[in-house]
Amino acid sequence: MGSHHARVYAALTGACTLAGVYDPDADRAAALAARWDAKAYATLEDMLREVDVVSVASPSSLHFHHTALALEHGLDVLVEKPLATTVENARMLERMASLRPKKPVVQVGHIEHFNPAIVELRKLVAEYQPIAIDMQRLGPFDGRISDTDVVQDLMLHDIHVLTTLADSPLARVQASGRRVRSDEHTDYAVATFVFESGLIANLSASRVTEDKIRRLTVTASDAHITLDSMNRSLELSRWTSLRGGESAGYRQESVLERVFVPIEEPLVAQIQSFLRCVRDRAVPEVPLQAGTACLQLVDAVRECIAAQAATTGAAGVLAL
């Protein structure tokens, strides 16, 4: 992700200047810096002393440490998700940011928030009250991701999207999971979130599914919405009741609308939004508190899965 961040910053010439990059692999940093006419810093400290804004796109286990260093240097930060690997560390970053003399802009990189299809979906959900939401984020095994489970790796994306769609406090969580390719981490997880409004959401996340699937459906009282991120499609189905003549009575008709989804790279939209907040000293769309709240839900799902594993196959349930 770091190379993609560098690419976008370099392209946004009117909004910022890509000063440089840091990577412990000096050859990789040099190649990336040369590609975008920037500087390859020898140490992280050297870079943090010379820049105003930084993107943290290191491995998840280092997000807390690198974000903390950036805050100590008085920088504004865009940190890739997850904000940290523990809720405790996420809250510590919140405290650090609140104590800085110049309040920093810290945005968490939940990139799906800026996916144009999700942006359009939020508009539809505001119009059609959801009854149930089903989300699938499935894909093949990736050996590079070995330091976390599928809940924090993949389901976290949909957990954040869900929190932006559900306008209600969460009541309880039920979840199950399985280890398939990993010795220590869950590779397949299913979670059900029930909200005080009555909304039910089912989330499935897999990194052992050979086909890559990114699908979301919303069942509303007057409509059914289907989003396929792989095909960049967003469809709205509505039932209409039509009155015919006296002999015809009523008849129903299904109306299918294909919603226009702008062609825009989510990472570009995310970084542009971040830079606007830096310029205007505004609160980002995905602030530190949102990143922490998502990690709390990750922990809730994990606790349910652990409870399931401790019994004889019964799904874990956590009342909130």
Protein backbone atom coordinates (compact mmCIF):
# COMPACT_ATOMS: atom_id res chain seq x y z
CA MET A 1 0.00 0.00 0.00
CA GLY A 2 2.88 2.36 0.64
CA SER A 3 3.82 2.40 -3.04
CA HIS A 4 0.22 3.27 -3.96
CA HIS A 5 0.14 6.10 -1.43
CA ALA A 6 3.36 7.48 -2.94
CA ARG A 7 1.87 7.27 -6.43
CA VAL A 8 -1.23 9.23 -5.42
CA TYR A 9 0.66 11.91 -3.48
CA ALA A 10 3.00 12.41 -6.43
CA ALA A 11 0.04 12.87 -8.77
CA LEU A 12 -1.70 15.45 -6.56
CA THR A 13 0.74 18.19 -7.51
CA GLY A 14 -1.68 21.02 -6.74
CA ALA A 15 -2.41 19.80 -3.23
CA CYS A 16 0.93 18.55 -1.94
CA THR A 17 4.51 17.59 -2.75
CA LEU A 18 5.77 14.07 -2.23
CA ALA A 19 8.90 14.80 -0.19
CA GLY A 20 10.07 11.22 0.12
CA VAL A 21 9.58 7.69 1.34
CA TYR A 22 11.05 5.41 3.96
CA ASP A 23 11.29 1.64 3.88
CA PRO A 24 13.64 -0.63 5.85
CA ASP A 25 14.47 -2.19 2.47
CA ALA A 26 16.76 0.56 1.20
CA ASP A 27 16.76 -0.72 -2.39
CA ARG A 28 12.98 -0.77 -2.52
CA ALA A 29 12.78 2.74 -1.06
CA ALA A 30 15.34 4.01 -3.58
CA ALA A 31 13.46 2.51 -6.51
CA LEU A 32 10.14 3.99 -5.39
CA ALA A 33 11.66 7.41 -4.70
CA ALA A 34 13.36 7.46 -8.11
CA ARG A 35 10.11 6.59 -9.85
CA TRP A 36 8.30 9.58 -8.34
CA ASP A 37 11.25 12.02 -8.20
CA ALA A 38 11.36 12.00 -4.39
CA LYS A 39 13.90 11.32 -1.67
CA ALA A 40 14.61 7.93 -0.11
CA TYR A 41 15.25 8.59 3.57
CA ALA A 42 17.88 6.54 5.35
CA THR A 43 15.93 6.44 8.63
CA LEU A 44 12.36 7.00 9.69
CA GLU A 45 13.46 9.75 12.06
CA ASP A 46 15.12 11.64 9.19
CA MET A 47 11.87 11.63 7.25
CA LEU A 48 9.66 12.62 10.17
CA ARG A 49 11.86 15.65 10.86
CA GLU A 50 11.45 17.01 7.33
CA VAL A 51 7.79 16.47 6.38
CA ASP A 52 4.45 17.95 7.44
CA VAL A 53 2.17 15.03 6.66
CA VAL A 54 2.81 11.28 6.64
CA SER A 55 1.04 8.13 5.50
CA VAL A 56 1.66 5.08 7.67
CA ALA A 57 1.42 2.02 5.42
CA SER A 58 3.68 -0.35 7.31
CA PRO A 59 2.63 -3.82 8.53
CA SER A 60 -0.33 -3.75 10.93
CA SER A 61 1.84 -4.65 13.91
CA LEU A 62 3.81 -1.40 13.44
CA HIS A 63 0.89 1.01 12.93
CA PHE A 64 0.73 2.03 16.58
CA HIS A 65 4.48 2.63 16.90
CA HIS A 66 4.81 4.57 13.65
CA THR A 67 1.70 6.68 14.25
CA ALA A 68 2.89 7.50 17.76
CA LEU A 69 6.26 8.63 16.38
CA ALA A 70 4.56 10.84 13.80
CA LEU A 71 2.39 12.43 16.50
CA GLU A 72 5.46 13.07 18.66
CA HIS A 73 6.91 14.98 15.69
CA GLY A 74 3.75 17.09 15.43
CA LEU A 75 2.65 15.65 12.08
CA ASP A 76 -0.76 15.04 10.55
CA VAL A 77 -1.21 11.34 9.88
CA LEU A 78 -3.11 9.04 7.54
CA VAL A 79 -2.71 5.56 9.00
CA GLU A 80 -3.81 2.46 7.11
CA LYS A 81 -6.34 0.22 8.83
CA PRO A 82 -6.20 -1.22 11.38
CA LEU A 83 -5.37 1.81 13.47
CA ALA A 84 -3.58 -0.53 15.89
CA THR A 85 -3.68 -4.21 16.71
CA THR A 86 -5.33 -3.65 20.10
CA VAL A 87 -8.07 -1.37 21.41
CA GLU A 88 -5.74 -0.31 24.24
CA ASN A 89 -3.13 1.00 21.79
CA ALA A 90 -5.81 2.72 19.70
CA ARG A 91 -7.07 4.56 22.77
CA MET A 92 -3.49 5.50 23.62
CA LEU A 93 -3.15 7.14 20.21
CA GLU A 94 -6.37 9.06 20.88
CA ARG A 95 -4.90 10.35 24.14
CA MET A 96 -1.61 11.28 22.48
CA ALA A 97 -3.40 13.23 19.74
CA SER A 98 -5.60 15.06 22.26
CA LEU A 99 -2.55 16.20 24.26
CA ARG A 100 -0.65 17.72 21.34
CA PRO A 101 -0.42 21.56 21.48
CA LYS A 102 -1.49 21.78 17.83
CA LYS A 103 -4.36 19.34 17.39
CA PRO A 104 -3.26 16.96 14.62
CA VAL A 105 -5.43 15.61 11.83
CA VAL A 106 -5.38 11.82 12.14
CA GLN A 107 -7.38 9.82 9.62
CA VAL A 108 -7.73 6.03 9.63
CA GLY A 109 -7.43 4.43 6.21
CA HIS A 110 -10.72 2.55 5.99
CA ILE A 111 -10.60 2.82 2.23
CA GLU A 112 -14.05 1.33 1.58
CA HIS A 113 -15.52 4.47 3.12
CA PHE A 114 -14.40 6.28 -0.04
CA ASN A 115 -15.38 3.57 -2.50
CA PRO A 116 -17.75 5.40 -4.89
CA ALA A 117 -20.15 2.45 -4.84
CA ILE A 118 -20.34 2.62 -1.03
CA VAL A 119 -20.83 6.39 -1.21
CA GLU A 120 -23.83 5.88 -3.51
CA LEU A 121 -25.10 3.03 -1.31
CA ARG A 122 -25.15 5.31 1.75
CA LYS A 123 -27.42 7.68 -0.17
CA LEU A 124 -29.85 4.85 -0.97
CA VAL A 125 -29.87 3.55 2.61
CA ALA A 126 -30.76 7.05 3.80
CA GLU A 127 -33.84 6.85 1.57
CA TYR A 128 -34.80 3.19 2.11
CA GLN A 129 -34.74 2.09 5.75
CA PRO A 130 -32.78 -1.20 5.92
CA ILE A 131 -34.20 -4.31 7.56
CA ALA A 132 -31.22 -6.59 6.97
CA ILE A 133 -27.73 -6.31 5.48
CA ASP A 134 -25.63 -9.18 4.14
CA MET A 135 -21.93 -8.65 3.35
CA GLN A 136 -19.47 -11.10 1.82
CA ARG A 137 -15.73 -10.47 1.56
CA LEU A 138 -14.18 -13.72 0.37
CA GLY A 139 -10.90 -14.51 -1.33
CA PRO A 140 -8.03 -16.97 -1.68
CA PHE A 141 -5.27 -17.54 0.84
CA ASP A 142 -2.45 -14.99 0.88
CA GLY A 143 0.67 -16.22 2.64
CA ARG A 144 1.92 -12.66 3.15
CA ILE A 145 -0.78 -12.01 5.77
CA SER A 146 0.41 -14.12 8.68
CA ASP A 147 0.28 -11.77 11.66
CA THR A 148 -3.49 -11.44 12.09
CA ASP A 149 -6.80 -13.24 11.58
CA VAL A 150 -9.42 -12.80 8.87
CA VAL A 151 -11.57 -10.70 11.21
CA GLN A 152 -9.00 -7.92 11.47
CA ASP A 153 -7.63 -8.47 7.99
CA LEU A 154 -10.84 -8.54 5.91
CA MET A 155 -14.00 -8.34 8.01
CA LEU A 156 -12.78 -5.06 9.47
CA HIS A 157 -13.51 -3.38 6.11
CA ASP A 158 -17.16 -4.41 6.26
CA ILE A 159 -17.46 -3.69 9.98
CA HIS A 160 -16.60 -0.07 9.26
CA VAL A 161 -19.04 0.11 6.32
CA LEU A 162 -21.74 -1.41 8.53
CA THR A 163 -21.22 1.22 11.24
CA THR A 164 -21.84 3.94 8.64
CA LEU A 165 -25.03 2.29 7.39
CA ALA A 166 -26.64 1.31 10.72
CA ASP A 167 -28.05 4.37 12.43
CA SER A 168 -28.54 2.59 15.75
CA PRO A 169 -26.57 1.30 18.75
CA LEU A 170 -25.42 -2.32 18.59
CA ALA A 171 -27.26 -4.76 20.86
CA ARG A 172 -25.43 -8.07 20.44
CA VAL A 173 -23.00 -10.04 18.31
CA GLN A 174 -22.93 -13.73 17.43
CA ALA A 175 -20.01 -15.27 15.56
CA SER A 176 -18.31 -18.49 14.51
CA GLY A 177 -14.98 -19.12 12.85
CA ARG A 178 -12.57 -21.76 11.62
CA ARG A 179 -8.85 -22.12 11.12
CA VAL A 180 -8.09 -23.69 7.76
CA ARG A 181 -4.61 -22.70 6.55
CA SER A 182 -3.32 -21.00 9.69
CA ASP A 183 -2.18 -22.62 12.91
CA GLU A 184 -3.02 -19.68 15.16
CA HIS A 185 -5.48 -17.44 13.31
CA THR A 186 -9.07 -17.72 12.10
CA ASP A 187 -9.27 -17.97 8.29
CA TYR A 188 -13.04 -18.08 7.89
CA ALA A 189 -15.52 -16.13 10.02
CA VAL A 190 -19.23 -15.42 10.03
CA ALA A 191 -20.72 -12.79 12.34
CA THR A 192 -24.27 -11.59 12.98
CA PHE A 193 -24.79 -8.09 14.36
CA VAL A 194 -28.17 -7.15 15.83
CA PHE A 195 -28.89 -3.47 16.45
CA GLU A 196 -31.37 -1.86 18.83
CA SER A 197 -33.41 -0.68 15.83
CA GLY A 198 -33.98 -4.31 14.86
CA LEU A 199 -31.54 -4.21 11.94
CA ILE A 200 -29.79 -7.56 11.38
CA ALA A 201 -26.45 -7.73 9.59
CA ASN A 202 -24.63 -10.90 8.52
CA LEU A 203 -20.94 -10.58 7.64
CA SER A 204 -18.84 -13.35 6.08
CA ALA A 205 -15.07 -13.07 5.66
CA SER A 206 -12.79 -15.70 4.15
CA ARG A 207 -9.22 -15.95 2.98
CA VAL A 208 -9.59 -19.59 1.89
CA THR A 209 -12.16 -19.12 -0.89
CA GLU A 210 -10.70 -19.65 -4.34
CA ASP A 211 -13.05 -17.15 -5.97
CA LYS A 212 -12.73 -13.49 -5.00
CA ILE A 213 -16.12 -12.13 -3.97
CA ARG A 214 -17.09 -8.66 -2.77
CA ARG A 215 -20.86 -8.53 -2.44
CA LEU A 216 -23.29 -6.56 -0.29
CA THR A 217 -27.09 -6.70 -0.24
CA VAL A 218 -29.60 -4.59 1.66
CA THR A 219 -33.16 -5.70 2.29
CA ALA A 220 -35.44 -2.72 2.95
CA SER A 221 -39.17 -2.52 3.47
CA ASP A 222 -39.75 -1.19 -0.05
CA ALA A 223 -36.61 -2.18 -1.91
CA HIS A 224 -33.72 -4.59 -2.33
CA ILE A 225 -30.25 -3.20 -3.04
CA THR A 226 -27.37 -5.23 -4.47
CA LEU A 227 -23.76 -4.03 -4.67
CA ASP A 228 -21.01 -6.00 -6.40
CA SER A 229 -17.65 -4.31 -5.94
CA MET A 230 -15.90 -6.66 -8.36
CA ASN A 231 -18.24 -5.66 -11.19
CA ARG A 232 -18.68 -2.08 -9.93
CA SER A 233 -22.45 -2.52 -10.07
CA LEU A 234 -25.16 -1.12 -7.81
CA GLU A 235 -28.77 -2.12 -8.43
CA LEU A 236 -32.04 -1.16 -6.77
CA SER A 237 -35.13 -3.39 -7.08
CA ARG A 238 -38.52 -1.98 -6.06
CA TRP A 239 -42.00 -3.47 -6.08
CA THR A 240 -44.83 -1.29 -7.31
CA SER A 241 -48.58 -1.97 -7.02
CA LEU A 242 -50.60 -0.96 -10.04
CA ARG A 243 -54.42 -0.82 -10.18
CA GLY A 244 -55.94 -2.06 -13.39
CA GLY A 245 -59.57 -2.04 -14.47
CA GLU A 246 -62.36 -3.46 -12.34
CA SER A 247 -61.83 -6.91 -13.77
CA ALA A 248 -58.06 -6.73 -13.70
CA GLY A 249 -57.78 -5.91 -10.00
CA TYR A 250 -54.25 -5.28 -8.71
CA ARG A 251 -51.04 -6.39 -10.28
CA GLN A 252 -47.47 -6.03 -9.08
CA GLU A 253 -44.45 -5.01 -11.05
CA SER A 254 -40.76 -5.17 -10.19
CA VAL A 255 -38.71 -2.16 -11.21
CA LEU A 256 -34.92 -2.58 -11.51
CA GLU A 257 -32.76 0.52 -11.44
CA ARG A 258 -29.05 0.45 -12.17
CA VAL A 259 -27.45 3.20 -10.12
CA PHE A 260 -24.60 5.12 -11.72
CA VAL A 261 -21.31 4.63 -9.86
CA PRO A 262 -18.61 7.23 -10.65
CA ILE A 263 -15.28 5.89 -11.83
CA GLU A 264 -12.96 7.03 -9.08
CA GLU A 265 -10.10 5.29 -7.30
CA PRO A 266 -10.99 5.04 -3.58
CA LEU A 267 -7.40 5.70 -2.49
CA VAL A 268 -7.33 8.96 -4.46
CA ALA A 269 -10.62 10.05 -2.87
CA GLN A 270 -9.33 9.07 0.57
CA ILE A 271 -6.07 11.00 0.28
CA GLN A 272 -7.79 14.03 -1.23
CA SER A 273 -10.23 14.09 1.67
CA PHE A 274 -7.35 13.79 4.13
CA LEU A 275 -5.43 16.65 2.55
CA ARG A 276 -8.53 18.88 2.59
CA CYS A 277 -8.83 18.24 6.32
CA VAL A 278 -5.14 19.10 6.77
CA ARG A 279 -5.62 22.33 4.83
CA ASP A 280 -8.83 23.33 6.63
CA ARG A 281 -7.85 21.84 10.04
CA ALA A 282 -11.10 19.87 9.93
CA VAL A 283 -12.13 16.57 11.52
CA PRO A 284 -11.61 13.73 8.99
CA GLU A 285 -14.48 11.54 7.81
CA VAL A 286 -12.84 8.54 9.47
CA PRO A 287 -11.25 9.90 12.67
CA LEU A 288 -9.29 8.08 15.36
CA GLN A 289 -12.46 7.37 17.32
CA ALA A 290 -13.99 5.51 14.35
CA GLY A 291 -10.89 3.35 14.04
CA THR A 292 -11.04 2.50 17.73
CA ALA A 293 -14.76 1.68 17.58
CA CYS A 294 -14.15 -0.75 14.72
CA LEU A 295 -11.42 -2.50 16.70
CA GLN A 296 -13.85 -2.89 19.60
CA LEU A 297 -16.23 -4.73 17.27
CA VAL A 298 -13.35 -6.87 16.00
CA ASP A 299 -12.68 -7.87 19.62
CA ALA A 300 -16.38 -8.65 20.12
CA VAL A 301 -16.35 -11.00 17.13
CA ARG A 302 -13.12 -12.62 18.31
CA GLU A 303 -14.54 -13.20 21.80
CA CYS A 304 -17.54 -14.97 20.27
CA ILE A 305 -15.31 -17.16 18.13
CA ALA A 306 -13.14 -18.00 21.14
CA ALA A 307 -16.26 -18.92 23.14
CA GLN A 308 -17.38 -21.15 20.28
CA ALA A 309 -14.00 -22.87 20.15
CA ALA A 310 -14.15 -23.54 23.89
CA THR A 311 -17.43 -25.43 23.54
CA THR A 312 -18.57 -28.25 21.27
CA GLY A 313 -19.40 -26.26 18.18
CA ALA A 314 -21.97 -23.84 19.61
CA ALA A 315 -21.70 -20.31 18.24
CA GLY A 316 -20.50 -17.67 20.68
CA VAL A 317 -22.88 -14.84 21.59
CA LEU A 318 -21.88 -11.52 23.14
CA ALA A 319 -24.53 -9.13 24.45
CA LEU A 320 -23.42 -5.52 24.41
